[in-house]
Amino acid sequence: MRMLMLAAALAAAPVPFAATPRTAAAAEPGVRLVQWDGDGEHHEEFEHHRDEERERVARWESFFRARMHEHFEREGDRWRDLPQREKEHVIREEWDHWGERRWRG
């Protein structure tokens, strides 16, 4: 009985945050909410971190394509016949050993 009363009270209670301007704006397409730290400062570090991550991924992809091409040029059919998993392993080791520090793609 107590659970039924609680469920009815919750169902009838207005949702306090549904009418706030932030959630109303979020319902509009193309609108993004800004993270807030309580002191009035925006979290630009998140965007900076996201941009760094995109740059790192782009560098890895560029390195991977270049190394795939280089290995094929040097080793030809032997490289082509290796399973993809082995090729990825070789290139990942090159990336870890020297590529990440030196590659500027």
PDB file of N, CA and C in Angstrom:
ATOM      1  N   MET A   1       0.812  -1.187   0.000  1.00  0.00           N
ATOM      2  CA  MET A   1       0.000   0.000   0.000  1.00  0.00           C
ATOM      3  C   MET A   1       0.867   1.266   0.000  1.00  0.00           C
ATOM      4  N   ARG A   2       1.910   1.214   0.821  1.00  0.00           N
ATOM      5  CA  ARG A   2       2.796   2.356   0.914  1.00  0.00           C
ATOM      6  C   ARG A   2       3.478   2.620  -0.441  1.00  0.00           C
ATOM      7  N   MET A   3       3.838   1.561  -1.153  1.00  0.00           N
ATOM      8  CA  MET A   3       4.479   1.698  -2.459  1.00  0.00           C
ATOM      9  C   MET A   3       3.522   2.311  -3.478  1.00  0.00           C
ATOM     10  N   LEU A   4       2.247   1.939  -3.407  1.00  0.00           N
ATOM     11  CA  LEU A   4       1.262   2.497  -4.325  1.00  0.00           C
ATOM     12  C   LEU A   4       1.083   3.992  -4.087  1.00  0.00           C
ATOM     13  N   MET A   5       1.062   4.396  -2.819  1.00  0.00           N
ATOM     14  CA  MET A   5       0.921   5.816  -2.504  1.00  0.00           C
ATOM     15  C   MET A   5       2.153   6.602  -2.983  1.00  0.00           C
ATOM     16  N   LEU A   6       3.323   6.026  -2.794  1.00  0.00           N
ATOM     17  CA  LEU A   6       4.547   6.682  -3.232  1.00  0.00           C
ATOM     18  C   LEU A   6       4.574   6.812  -4.763  1.00  0.00           C
ATOM     19  N   ALA A   7       4.191   5.759  -5.455  1.00  0.00           N
ATOM     20  CA  ALA A   7       4.160   5.787  -6.914  1.00  0.00           C
ATOM     21  C   ALA A   7       3.166   6.833  -7.413  1.00  0.00           C
ATOM     22  N   ALA A   8       2.005   6.916  -6.764  1.00  0.00           N
ATOM     23  CA  ALA A   8       1.001   7.901  -7.168  1.00  0.00           C
ATOM     24  C   ALA A   8       1.501   9.320  -6.907  1.00  0.00           C
ATOM     25  N   ALA A   9       2.176   9.527  -5.794  1.00  0.00           N
ATOM     26  CA  ALA A   9       2.694  10.854  -5.470  1.00  0.00           C
ATOM     27  C   ALA A   9       3.789  11.267  -6.455  1.00  0.00           C
ATOM     28  N   LEU A  10       4.621  10.331  -6.819  1.00  0.00           N
ATOM     29  CA  LEU A  10       5.680  10.642  -7.774  1.00  0.00           C
ATOM     30  C   LEU A  10       5.125  10.888  -9.171  1.00  0.00           C
ATOM     31  N   ALA A  11       4.098  10.173  -9.531  1.00  0.00           N
ATOM     32  CA  ALA A  11       3.505  10.349 -10.853  1.00  0.00           C
ATOM     33  C   ALA A  11       2.799  11.697 -10.959  1.00  0.00           C
ATOM     34  N   ALA A  12       2.229  12.152  -9.874  1.00  0.00           N
ATOM     35  CA  ALA A  12       1.485  13.404  -9.882  1.00  0.00           C
ATOM     36  C   ALA A  12       2.387  14.617  -9.664  1.00  0.00           C
ATOM     37  N   ALA A  13       3.587  14.394  -9.126  1.00  0.00           N
ATOM     38  CA  ALA A  13       4.486  15.509  -8.815  1.00  0.00           C
ATOM     39  C   ALA A  13       5.035  16.106 -10.108  1.00  0.00           C
ATOM     40  N   PRO A  14       5.098  17.433 -10.171  1.00  0.00           N
ATOM     41  CA  PRO A  14       5.684  18.056 -11.362  1.00  0.00           C
ATOM     42  C   PRO A  14       7.191  17.823 -11.387  1.00  0.00           C
ATOM     43  N   VAL A  15       7.728  17.749 -12.552  1.00  0.00           N
ATOM     44  CA  VAL A  15       9.165  17.568 -12.700  1.00  0.00           C
ATOM     45  C   VAL A  15       9.802  18.951 -12.619  1.00  0.00           C
ATOM     46  N   PRO A  16      10.594  19.231 -11.596  1.00  0.00           N
ATOM     47  CA  PRO A  16      11.076  20.590 -11.361  1.00  0.00           C
ATOM     48  C   PRO A  16      12.043  21.110 -12.421  1.00  0.00           C
ATOM     49  N   PHE A  17      12.775  20.238 -13.071  1.00  0.00           N
ATOM     50  CA  PHE A  17      13.766  20.733 -14.019  1.00  0.00           C
ATOM     51  C   PHE A  17      13.264  20.755 -15.455  1.00  0.00           C
ATOM     52  N   ALA A  18      12.070  20.307 -15.710  1.00  0.00           N
ATOM     53  CA  ALA A  18      11.571  20.231 -17.086  1.00  0.00           C
ATOM     54  C   ALA A  18      11.289  21.611 -17.668  1.00  0.00           C
ATOM     55  N   ALA A  19      10.997  22.580 -16.822  1.00  0.00           N
ATOM     56  CA  ALA A  19      10.626  23.892 -17.331  1.00  0.00           C
ATOM     57  C   ALA A  19      11.785  24.879 -17.334  1.00  0.00           C
ATOM     58  N   THR A  20      12.967  24.437 -16.928  1.00  0.00           N
ATOM     59  CA  THR A  20      14.097  25.364 -16.894  1.00  0.00           C
ATOM     60  C   THR A  20      14.539  25.708 -18.306  1.00  0.00           C
ATOM     61  N   PRO A  21      15.107  26.872 -18.506  1.00  0.00           N
ATOM     62  CA  PRO A  21      15.537  27.264 -19.850  1.00  0.00           C
ATOM     63  C   PRO A  21      16.596  26.337 -20.442  1.00  0.00           C
ATOM     64  N   ARG A  22      17.453  25.780 -19.586  1.00  0.00           N
ATOM     65  CA  ARG A  22      18.499  24.897 -20.103  1.00  0.00           C
ATOM     66  C   ARG A  22      17.911  23.665 -20.753  1.00  0.00           C
ATOM     67  N   THR A  23      16.942  23.026 -20.101  1.00  0.00           N
ATOM     68  CA  THR A  23      16.378  21.814 -20.692  1.00  0.00           C
ATOM     69  C   THR A  23      15.473  22.152 -21.859  1.00  0.00           C
ATOM     70  N   ALA A  24      14.840  23.313 -21.825  1.00  0.00           N
ATOM     71  CA  ALA A  24      14.012  23.717 -22.956  1.00  0.00           C
ATOM     72  C   ALA A  24      14.900  23.971 -24.171  1.00  0.00           C
ATOM     73  N   ALA A  25      16.062  24.579 -23.950  1.00  0.00           N
ATOM     74  CA  ALA A  25      16.982  24.831 -25.055  1.00  0.00           C
ATOM     75  C   ALA A  25      17.562  23.528 -25.589  1.00  0.00           C
ATOM     76  N   ALA A  26      17.761  22.561 -24.694  1.00  0.00           N
ATOM     77  CA  ALA A  26      18.328  21.286 -25.121  1.00  0.00           C
ATOM     78  C   ALA A  26      17.371  20.529 -26.028  1.00  0.00           C
ATOM     79  N   ALA A  27      16.093  20.810 -25.921  1.00  0.00           N
ATOM     80  CA  ALA A  27      15.121  20.132 -26.766  1.00  0.00           C
ATOM     81  C   ALA A  27      15.189  20.627 -28.205  1.00  0.00           C
ATOM     82  N   GLU A  28      15.753  21.803 -28.412  1.00  0.00           N
ATOM     83  CA  GLU A  28      15.868  22.347 -29.762  1.00  0.00           C
ATOM     84  C   GLU A  28      17.036  21.672 -30.478  1.00  0.00           C
ATOM     85  N   PRO A  29      16.854  21.310 -31.747  1.00  0.00           N
ATOM     86  CA  PRO A  29      17.950  20.669 -32.475  1.00  0.00           C
ATOM     87  C   PRO A  29      19.128  21.623 -32.657  1.00  0.00           C
ATOM     88  N   GLY A  30      20.322  21.085 -32.527  1.00  0.00           N
ATOM     89  CA  GLY A  30      21.528  21.882 -32.741  1.00  0.00           C
ATOM     90  C   GLY A  30      21.987  22.669 -31.535  1.00  0.00           C
ATOM     91  N   VAL A  31      21.294  22.595 -30.422  1.00  0.00           N
ATOM     92  CA  VAL A  31      21.666  23.345 -29.222  1.00  0.00           C
ATOM     93  C   VAL A  31      22.431  22.418 -28.294  1.00  0.00           C
ATOM     94  N   ARG A  32      23.594  22.889 -27.792  1.00  0.00           N
ATOM     95  CA  ARG A  32      24.386  22.096 -26.854  1.00  0.00           C
ATOM     96  C   ARG A  32      24.418  22.790 -25.509  1.00  0.00           C
ATOM     97  N   LEU A  33      24.352  21.993 -24.455  1.00  0.00           N
ATOM     98  CA  LEU A  33      24.476  22.546 -23.115  1.00  0.00           C
ATOM     99  C   LEU A  33      25.951  22.757 -22.797  1.00  0.00           C
ATOM    100  N   VAL A  34      26.251  23.769 -22.005  1.00  0.00           N
ATOM    101  CA  VAL A  34      27.612  24.079 -21.601  1.00  0.00           C
ATOM    102  C   VAL A  34      27.841  23.473 -20.230  1.00  0.00           C
ATOM    103  N   GLN A  35      28.997  22.835 -20.047  1.00  0.00           N
ATOM    104  CA  GLN A  35      29.312  22.308 -18.722  1.00  0.00           C
ATOM    105  C   GLN A  35      29.621  23.469 -17.791  1.00  0.00           C
ATOM    106  N   TRP A  36      29.214  23.343 -16.563  1.00  0.00           N
ATOM    107  CA  TRP A  36      29.328  24.425 -15.601  1.00  0.00           C
ATOM    108  C   TRP A  36      29.975  23.895 -14.337  1.00  0.00           C
ATOM    109  N   ASP A  37      30.976  24.587 -13.808  1.00  0.00           N
ATOM    110  CA  ASP A  37      31.646  24.085 -12.611  1.00  0.00           C
ATOM    111  C   ASP A  37      31.141  24.736 -11.328  1.00  0.00           C
ATOM    112  N   GLY A  38      30.120  25.542 -11.409  1.00  0.00           N
ATOM    113  CA  GLY A  38      29.554  26.153 -10.222  1.00  0.00           C
ATOM    114  C   GLY A  38      30.128  27.519  -9.913  1.00  0.00           C
ATOM    115  N   ASP A  39      31.283  27.844 -10.436  1.00  0.00           N
ATOM    116  CA  ASP A  39      31.905  29.145 -10.203  1.00  0.00           C
ATOM    117  C   ASP A  39      31.751  30.071 -11.398  1.00  0.00           C
ATOM    118  N   GLY A  40      31.039  29.623 -12.396  1.00  0.00           N
ATOM    119  CA  GLY A  40      30.835  30.457 -13.565  1.00  0.00           C
ATOM    120  C   GLY A  40      31.873  30.244 -14.655  1.00  0.00           C
ATOM    121  N   GLU A  41      32.724  29.240 -14.509  1.00  0.00           N
ATOM    122  CA  GLU A  41      33.759  28.978 -15.510  1.00  0.00           C
ATOM    123  C   GLU A  41      33.323  27.803 -16.382  1.00  0.00           C
ATOM    124  N   HIS A  42      33.555  27.911 -17.671  1.00  0.00           N
ATOM    125  CA  HIS A  42      33.235  26.829 -18.595  1.00  0.00           C
ATOM    126  C   HIS A  42      34.395  25.839 -18.651  1.00  0.00           C
ATOM    127  N   HIS A  43      34.066  24.626 -18.990  1.00  0.00           N
ATOM    128  CA  HIS A  43      35.093  23.588 -19.068  1.00  0.00           C
ATOM    129  C   HIS A  43      35.662  23.511 -20.474  1.00  0.00           C
ATOM    130  N   GLU A  44      36.573  24.407 -20.763  1.00  0.00           N
ATOM    131  CA  GLU A  44      37.221  24.397 -22.068  1.00  0.00           C
ATOM    132  C   GLU A  44      38.288  23.311 -22.142  1.00  0.00           C
ATOM    133  N   GLU A  45      38.704  22.789 -20.986  1.00  0.00           N
ATOM    134  CA  GLU A  45      39.695  21.723 -20.978  1.00  0.00           C
ATOM    135  C   GLU A  45      39.160  20.492 -21.700  1.00  0.00           C
ATOM    136  N   PHE A  46      37.853  20.249 -21.575  1.00  0.00           N
ATOM    137  CA  PHE A  46      37.252  19.097 -22.246  1.00  0.00           C
ATOM    138  C   PHE A  46      37.432  19.220 -23.752  1.00  0.00           C
ATOM    139  N   GLU A  47      37.143  20.391 -24.294  1.00  0.00           N
ATOM    140  CA  GLU A  47      37.291  20.600 -25.733  1.00  0.00           C
ATOM    141  C   GLU A  47      38.755  20.484 -26.146  1.00  0.00           C
ATOM    142  N   HIS A  48      39.656  21.011 -25.330  1.00  0.00           N
ATOM    143  CA  HIS A  48      41.080  20.920 -25.623  1.00  0.00           C
ATOM    144  C   HIS A  48      41.518  19.456 -25.652  1.00  0.00           C
ATOM    145  N   HIS A  49      41.073  18.670 -24.661  1.00  0.00           N
ATOM    146  CA  HIS A  49      41.408  17.248 -24.596  1.00  0.00           C
ATOM    147  C   HIS A  49      40.848  16.511 -25.810  1.00  0.00           C
ATOM    148  N   ARG A  50      39.622  16.839 -26.188  1.00  0.00           N
ATOM    149  CA  ARG A  50      38.992  16.199 -27.345  1.00  0.00           C
ATOM    150  C   ARG A  50      39.770  16.521 -28.617  1.00  0.00           C
ATOM    151  N   ASP A  51      40.223  17.766 -28.772  1.00  0.00           N
ATOM    152  CA  ASP A  51      41.005  18.143 -29.942  1.00  0.00           C
ATOM    153  C   ASP A  51      42.350  17.423 -29.973  1.00  0.00           C
ATOM    154  N   GLU A  52      42.994  17.294 -28.822  1.00  0.00           N
ATOM    155  CA  GLU A  52      44.255  16.561 -28.748  1.00  0.00           C
ATOM    156  C   GLU A  52      44.062  15.108 -29.140  1.00  0.00           C
ATOM    157  N   GLU A  53      42.971  14.520 -28.691  1.00  0.00           N
ATOM    158  CA  GLU A  53      42.685  13.122 -29.012  1.00  0.00           C
ATOM    159  C   GLU A  53      42.451  12.955 -30.516  1.00  0.00           C
ATOM    160  N   ARG A  54      41.726  13.861 -31.116  1.00  0.00           N
ATOM    161  CA  ARG A  54      41.502  13.798 -32.569  1.00  0.00           C
ATOM    162  C   ARG A  54      42.826  13.918 -33.321  1.00  0.00           C
ATOM    163  N   GLU A  55      43.699  14.808 -32.869  1.00  0.00           N
ATOM    164  CA  GLU A  55      45.001  14.976 -33.513  1.00  0.00           C
ATOM    165  C   GLU A  55      45.839  13.716 -33.379  1.00  0.00           C
ATOM    166  N   ARG A  56      45.820  13.101 -32.192  1.00  0.00           N
ATOM    167  CA  ARG A  56      46.580  11.872 -31.971  1.00  0.00           C
ATOM    168  C   ARG A  56      46.073  10.749 -32.874  1.00  0.00           C
ATOM    169  N   VAL A  57      44.759  10.625 -32.996  1.00  0.00           N
ATOM    170  CA  VAL A  57      44.175   9.591 -33.860  1.00  0.00           C
ATOM    171  C   VAL A  57      44.540   9.854 -35.317  1.00  0.00           C
ATOM    172  N   ALA A  58      44.485  11.099 -35.748  1.00  0.00           N
ATOM    173  CA  ALA A  58      44.845  11.438 -37.126  1.00  0.00           C
ATOM    174  C   ALA A  58      46.312  11.124 -37.390  1.00  0.00           C
ATOM    175  N   ARG A  59      47.197  11.398 -36.424  1.00  0.00           N
ATOM    176  CA  ARG A  59      48.619  11.077 -36.576  1.00  0.00           C
ATOM    177  C   ARG A  59      48.819   9.574 -36.702  1.00  0.00           C
ATOM    178  N   TRP A  60      48.114   8.791 -35.854  1.00  0.00           N
ATOM    179  CA  TRP A  60      48.236   7.331 -35.911  1.00  0.00           C
ATOM    180  C   TRP A  60      47.765   6.805 -37.268  1.00  0.00           C
ATOM    181  N   GLU A  61      46.626   7.290 -37.753  1.00  0.00           N
ATOM    182  CA  GLU A  61      46.102   6.821 -39.034  1.00  0.00           C
ATOM    183  C   GLU A  61      47.055   7.160 -40.181  1.00  0.00           C
ATOM    184  N   SER A  62      47.624   8.344 -40.147  1.00  0.00           N
ATOM    185  CA  SER A  62      48.584   8.753 -41.172  1.00  0.00           C
ATOM    186  C   SER A  62      49.826   7.872 -41.121  1.00  0.00           C
ATOM    187  N   PHE A  63      50.329   7.634 -39.916  1.00  0.00           N
ATOM    188  CA  PHE A  63      51.490   6.768 -39.731  1.00  0.00           C
ATOM    189  C   PHE A  63      51.192   5.366 -40.235  1.00  0.00           C
ATOM    190  N   PHE A  64      50.028   4.833 -39.879  1.00  0.00           N
ATOM    191  CA  PHE A  64      49.657   3.481 -40.265  1.00  0.00           C
ATOM    192  C   PHE A  64      49.620   3.342 -41.790  1.00  0.00           C
ATOM    193  N   ARG A  65      48.970   4.278 -42.472  1.00  0.00           N
ATOM    194  CA  ARG A  65      48.902   4.214 -43.940  1.00  0.00           C
ATOM    195  C   ARG A  65      50.292   4.290 -44.563  1.00  0.00           C
ATOM    196  N   ALA A  66      51.112   5.203 -44.063  1.00  0.00           N
ATOM    197  CA  ALA A  66      52.458   5.367 -44.614  1.00  0.00           C
ATOM    198  C   ALA A  66      53.302   4.116 -44.389  1.00  0.00           C
ATOM    199  N   ARG A  67      53.223   3.533 -43.202  1.00  0.00           N
ATOM    200  CA  ARG A  67      54.013   2.333 -42.908  1.00  0.00           C
ATOM    201  C   ARG A  67      53.504   1.128 -43.698  1.00  0.00           C
ATOM    202  N   MET A  68      52.191   1.018 -43.876  1.00  0.00           N
ATOM    203  CA  MET A  68      51.656  -0.070 -44.706  1.00  0.00           C
ATOM    204  C   MET A  68      52.234   0.041 -46.110  1.00  0.00           C
ATOM    205  N   HIS A  69      52.244   1.235 -46.660  1.00  0.00           N
ATOM    206  CA  HIS A  69      52.775   1.457 -48.004  1.00  0.00           C
ATOM    207  C   HIS A  69      54.273   1.148 -48.049  1.00  0.00           C
ATOM    208  N   GLU A  70      55.005   1.638 -47.070  1.00  0.00           N
ATOM    209  CA  GLU A  70      56.449   1.425 -47.028  1.00  0.00           C
ATOM    210  C   GLU A  70      56.795  -0.062 -46.937  1.00  0.00           C
ATOM    211  N   HIS A  71      56.113  -0.793 -46.060  1.00  0.00           N
ATOM    212  CA  HIS A  71      56.375  -2.231 -45.923  1.00  0.00           C
ATOM    213  C   HIS A  71      56.049  -2.965 -47.219  1.00  0.00           C
ATOM    214  N   PHE A  72      54.957  -2.602 -47.853  1.00  0.00           N
ATOM    215  CA  PHE A  72      54.601  -3.258 -49.110  1.00  0.00           C
ATOM    216  C   PHE A  72      55.636  -2.958 -50.189  1.00  0.00           C
ATOM    217  N   GLU A  73      56.126  -1.713 -50.251  1.00  0.00           N
ATOM    218  CA  GLU A  73      57.153  -1.356 -51.236  1.00  0.00           C
ATOM    219  C   GLU A  73      58.431  -2.168 -51.023  1.00  0.00           C
ATOM    220  N   ARG A  74      58.815  -2.368 -49.771  1.00  0.00           N
ATOM    221  CA  ARG A  74      60.058  -3.084 -49.470  1.00  0.00           C
ATOM    222  C   ARG A  74      59.900  -4.599 -49.545  1.00  0.00           C
ATOM    223  N   GLU A  75      58.776  -5.128 -49.053  1.00  0.00           N
ATOM    224  CA  GLU A  75      58.644  -6.577 -48.892  1.00  0.00           C
ATOM    225  C   GLU A  75      57.681  -7.220 -49.882  1.00  0.00           C
ATOM    226  N   GLY A  76      56.920  -6.425 -50.586  1.00  0.00           N
ATOM    227  CA  GLY A  76      56.048  -6.919 -51.650  1.00  0.00           C
ATOM    228  C   GLY A  76      55.056  -7.979 -51.213  1.00  0.00           C
ATOM    229  N   ASP A  77      55.093  -9.133 -51.904  1.00  0.00           N
ATOM    230  CA  ASP A  77      54.114 -10.204 -51.663  1.00  0.00           C
ATOM    231  C   ASP A  77      54.212 -10.775 -50.257  1.00  0.00           C
ATOM    232  N   ARG A  78      55.437 -10.793 -49.721  1.00  0.00           N
ATOM    233  CA  ARG A  78      55.592 -11.317 -48.365  1.00  0.00           C
ATOM    234  C   ARG A  78      54.753 -10.500 -47.367  1.00  0.00           C
ATOM    235  N   TRP A  79      54.767  -9.172 -47.511  1.00  0.00           N
ATOM    236  CA  TRP A  79      53.972  -8.293 -46.642  1.00  0.00           C
ATOM    237  C   TRP A  79      52.489  -8.445 -46.947  1.00  0.00           C
ATOM    238  N   ARG A  80      52.166  -8.492 -48.239  1.00  0.00           N
ATOM    239  CA  ARG A  80      50.769  -8.600 -48.639  1.00  0.00           C
ATOM    240  C   ARG A  80      50.134  -9.876 -48.094  1.00  0.00           C
ATOM    241  N   ASP A  81      50.890 -10.974 -48.048  1.00  0.00           N
ATOM    242  CA  ASP A  81      50.346 -12.258 -47.615  1.00  0.00           C
ATOM    243  C   ASP A  81      50.252 -12.409 -46.102  1.00  0.00           C
ATOM    244  N   LEU A  82      50.840 -11.500 -45.345  1.00  0.00           N
ATOM    245  CA  LEU A  82      50.713 -11.556 -43.883  1.00  0.00           C
ATOM    246  C   LEU A  82      49.267 -11.278 -43.489  1.00  0.00           C
ATOM    247  N   PRO A  83      48.782 -11.939 -42.461  1.00  0.00           N
ATOM    248  CA  PRO A  83      47.428 -11.606 -41.972  1.00  0.00           C
ATOM    249  C   PRO A  83      47.393 -10.162 -41.462  1.00  0.00           C
ATOM    250  N   GLN A  84      46.260  -9.523 -41.587  1.00  0.00           N
ATOM    251  CA  GLN A  84      46.110  -8.126 -41.181  1.00  0.00           C
ATOM    252  C   GLN A  84      46.496  -7.925 -39.716  1.00  0.00           C
ATOM    253  N   ARG A  85      46.158  -8.884 -38.884  1.00  0.00           N
ATOM    254  CA  ARG A  85      46.479  -8.787 -37.459  1.00  0.00           C
ATOM    255  C   ARG A  85      47.994  -8.680 -37.251  1.00  0.00           C
ATOM    256  N   GLU A  86      48.778  -9.443 -38.032  1.00  0.00           N
ATOM    257  CA  GLU A  86      50.238  -9.388 -37.922  1.00  0.00           C
ATOM    258  C   GLU A  86      50.782  -8.046 -38.417  1.00  0.00           C
ATOM    259  N   LYS A  87      50.219  -7.539 -39.505  1.00  0.00           N
ATOM    260  CA  LYS A  87      50.644  -6.233 -40.018  1.00  0.00           C
ATOM    261  C   LYS A  87      50.396  -5.150 -38.974  1.00  0.00           C
ATOM    262  N   GLU A  88      49.207  -5.176 -38.371  1.00  0.00           N
ATOM    263  CA  GLU A  88      48.870  -4.185 -37.342  1.00  0.00           C
ATOM    264  C   GLU A  88      49.814  -4.290 -36.160  1.00  0.00           C
ATOM    265  N   HIS A  89      50.187  -5.517 -35.792  1.00  0.00           N
ATOM    266  CA  HIS A  89      51.095  -5.720 -34.668  1.00  0.00           C
ATOM    267  C   HIS A  89      52.475  -5.117 -34.966  1.00  0.00           C
ATOM    268  N   VAL A  90      52.991  -5.371 -36.160  1.00  0.00           N
ATOM    269  CA  VAL A  90      54.305  -4.831 -36.553  1.00  0.00           C
ATOM    270  C   VAL A  90      54.283  -3.308 -36.532  1.00  0.00           C
ATOM    271  N   ILE A  91      53.246  -2.737 -37.121  1.00  0.00           N
ATOM    272  CA  ILE A  91      53.178  -1.271 -37.201  1.00  0.00           C
ATOM    273  C   ILE A  91      52.950  -0.665 -35.822  1.00  0.00           C
ATOM    274  N   ARG A  92      52.172  -1.314 -34.968  1.00  0.00           N
ATOM    275  CA  ARG A  92      51.967  -0.816 -33.596  1.00  0.00           C
ATOM    276  C   ARG A  92      53.287  -0.806 -32.835  1.00  0.00           C
ATOM    277  N   GLU A  93      54.119  -1.847 -33.025  1.00  0.00           N
ATOM    278  CA  GLU A  93      55.425  -1.863 -32.359  1.00  0.00           C
ATOM    279  C   GLU A  93      56.315  -0.730 -32.867  1.00  0.00           C
ATOM    280  N   GLU A  94      56.269  -0.458 -34.163  1.00  0.00           N
ATOM    281  CA  GLU A  94      57.037   0.673 -34.703  1.00  0.00           C
ATOM    282  C   GLU A  94      56.548   1.993 -34.106  1.00  0.00           C
ATOM    283  N   TRP A  95      55.230   2.132 -33.993  1.00  0.00           N
ATOM    284  CA  TRP A  95      54.644   3.341 -33.411  1.00  0.00           C
ATOM    285  C   TRP A  95      55.113   3.524 -31.973  1.00  0.00           C
ATOM    286  N   ASP A  96      55.046   2.445 -31.200  1.00  0.00           N
ATOM    287  CA  ASP A  96      55.447   2.523 -29.794  1.00  0.00           C
ATOM    288  C   ASP A  96      56.949   2.776 -29.653  1.00  0.00           C
ATOM    289  N   HIS A  97      57.740   2.202 -30.555  1.00  0.00           N
ATOM    290  CA  HIS A  97      59.196   2.313 -30.440  1.00  0.00           C
ATOM    291  C   HIS A  97      59.715   3.671 -30.887  1.00  0.00           C
ATOM    292  N   TRP A  98      59.244   4.179 -32.038  1.00  0.00           N
ATOM    293  CA  TRP A  98      59.783   5.449 -32.537  1.00  0.00           C
ATOM    294  C   TRP A  98      58.751   6.357 -33.192  1.00  0.00           C
ATOM    295  N   GLY A  99      57.662   5.810 -33.676  1.00  0.00           N
ATOM    296  CA  GLY A  99      56.742   6.586 -34.486  1.00  0.00           C
ATOM    297  C   GLY A  99      56.009   7.694 -33.751  1.00  0.00           C
ATOM    298  N   GLU A 100      55.543   7.401 -32.545  1.00  0.00           N
ATOM    299  CA  GLU A 100      54.746   8.396 -31.819  1.00  0.00           C
ATOM    300  C   GLU A 100      55.574   9.645 -31.506  1.00  0.00           C
ATOM    301  N   ARG A 101      56.857   9.455 -31.207  1.00  0.00           N
ATOM    302  CA  ARG A 101      57.725  10.600 -30.877  1.00  0.00           C
ATOM    303  C   ARG A 101      58.096  11.406 -32.113  1.00  0.00           C
ATOM    304  N   ARG A 102      58.298  10.737 -33.258  1.00  0.00           N
ATOM    305  CA  ARG A 102      58.867  11.411 -34.418  1.00  0.00           C
ATOM    306  C   ARG A 102      57.878  11.709 -35.537  1.00  0.00           C
ATOM    307  N   TRP A 103      56.751  11.011 -35.581  1.00  0.00           N
ATOM    308  CA  TRP A 103      55.853  11.139 -36.725  1.00  0.00           C
ATOM    309  C   TRP A 103      55.068  12.442 -36.667  1.00  0.00           C
ATOM    310  N   ARG A 104      55.122  13.188 -37.717  1.00  0.00           N
ATOM    311  CA  ARG A 104      54.375  14.443 -37.794  1.00  0.00           C
ATOM    312  C   ARG A 104      53.430  14.445 -38.983  1.00  0.00           C
ATOM    313  N   GLY A 105      53.355  13.318 -39.709  1.00  0.00           N
ATOM    314  CA  GLY A 105      52.432  13.100 -40.823  1.00  0.00           C
ATOM    315  C   GLY A 105      52.115  14.277 -41.571  1.00  0.00           C
TER     316      GLY A 105
END
